[in-house]
Amino acid sequence: MTKDKKLPDEEKYATLLDFDKVFCFDLAKVKKPEVDKKIKKLAELREKYRKEKQWQKADEIRKEVEKTGYLIEDTEQGPKIRKK
């Protein structure tokens, strides 16, 4: 169910928290790891280049981000940054 690409992330999270009430894992207490500000800035710059159709510059930034241990995933809701 949580792999459904049509279901917004917020709705997936709410569903998981509902299940958690049954299984008592206390998932609501788990904090999402923060993405480094430098990585966020690079992702924003990459998105700017993508909108300007400067694909080579956008790809260079993606590679730079990957060297730091993060991936940028392009989604319908915009770019998502996650650890490798």
Protein backbone atom coordinates (compact mmCIF):
# COMPACT_ATOMS: atom_id res chain seq x y z
CA MET A 1 0.00 0.00 0.00
CA THR A 2 2.75 2.53 0.79
CA LYS A 3 4.36 2.04 -2.64
CA ASP A 4 1.27 3.49 -4.33
CA LYS A 5 2.62 6.43 -6.33
CA LYS A 6 -0.82 8.03 -6.60
CA LEU A 7 -1.22 8.28 -2.84
CA PRO A 8 0.40 11.46 -1.41
CA ASP A 9 3.23 10.95 1.09
CA GLU A 10 1.24 12.69 3.83
CA GLU A 11 -1.58 10.19 3.39
CA LYS A 12 0.85 7.27 3.45
CA TYR A 13 2.35 8.59 6.68
CA ALA A 14 -1.08 9.01 8.28
CA THR A 15 -1.97 5.44 7.31
CA LEU A 16 1.25 4.12 8.85
CA LEU A 17 0.49 5.98 12.07
CA ASP A 18 -2.98 4.41 12.12
CA PHE A 19 -1.44 0.94 11.78
CA ASP A 20 1.05 1.88 14.47
CA LYS A 21 -1.79 2.36 16.95
CA VAL A 22 -2.47 -1.37 16.58
CA PHE A 23 1.13 -2.59 16.55
CA CYS A 24 2.50 -0.10 19.13
CA PHE A 25 5.87 0.60 17.50
CA ASP A 26 5.68 4.30 18.49
CA LEU A 27 6.56 5.40 14.95
CA ALA A 28 5.30 8.93 15.63
CA LYS A 29 8.25 9.38 18.01
CA VAL A 30 10.82 8.52 15.33
CA LYS A 31 12.30 11.66 13.82
CA LYS A 32 13.11 11.92 10.14
CA PRO A 33 16.82 12.51 9.60
CA GLU A 34 17.54 16.05 8.47
CA VAL A 35 19.18 16.56 5.11
CA ASP A 36 22.28 18.75 5.23
CA LYS A 37 21.60 22.36 4.19
CA LYS A 38 24.34 22.19 1.55
CA ILE A 39 22.63 19.20 -0.08
CA LYS A 40 19.27 21.02 -0.03
CA LYS A 41 20.84 24.06 -1.71
CA LEU A 42 22.41 21.86 -4.39
CA ALA A 43 19.07 20.16 -5.02
CA GLU A 44 17.39 23.57 -5.39
CA LEU A 45 20.08 24.70 -7.84
CA ARG A 46 19.69 21.46 -9.78
CA GLU A 47 15.95 22.00 -9.99
CA LYS A 48 16.55 25.53 -11.32
CA TYR A 49 18.83 24.14 -14.05
CA ARG A 50 16.26 21.48 -14.92
CA LYS A 51 13.55 24.13 -15.35
CA GLU A 52 15.93 26.06 -17.60
CA LYS A 53 16.62 22.83 -19.53
CA GLN A 54 20.32 23.01 -18.70
CA TRP A 55 20.54 19.22 -18.43
CA GLN A 56 24.34 18.93 -18.29
CA LYS A 57 24.61 21.28 -15.30
CA ALA A 58 21.72 19.48 -13.58
CA ASP A 59 23.44 16.11 -14.11
CA GLU A 60 26.73 17.45 -12.73
CA ILE A 61 24.97 18.54 -9.55
CA ARG A 62 23.23 15.17 -9.23
CA LYS A 63 26.64 13.44 -9.42
CA GLU A 64 28.07 15.84 -6.84
CA VAL A 65 25.19 15.08 -4.47
CA GLU A 66 25.62 11.31 -5.01
CA LYS A 67 29.28 11.60 -3.96
CA THR A 68 28.06 12.85 -0.56
CA GLY A 69 25.93 9.74 -0.02
CA TYR A 70 22.55 11.16 -1.05
CA LEU A 71 20.28 10.54 -4.02
CA ILE A 72 17.91 12.99 -5.67
CA GLU A 73 14.75 11.33 -6.90
CA ASP A 74 12.55 13.28 -9.31
CA THR A 75 8.85 12.84 -8.45
CA GLU A 76 5.59 14.45 -9.50
CA GLN A 77 5.68 16.38 -6.21
CA GLY A 78 9.19 17.64 -6.94
CA PRO A 79 12.68 16.37 -6.10
CA LYS A 80 13.07 14.10 -3.06
CA ILE A 81 16.42 13.76 -1.31
CA ARG A 82 17.29 10.54 0.48
CA LYS A 83 20.32 8.67 1.78
CA LYS A 84 21.81 5.97 -0.47
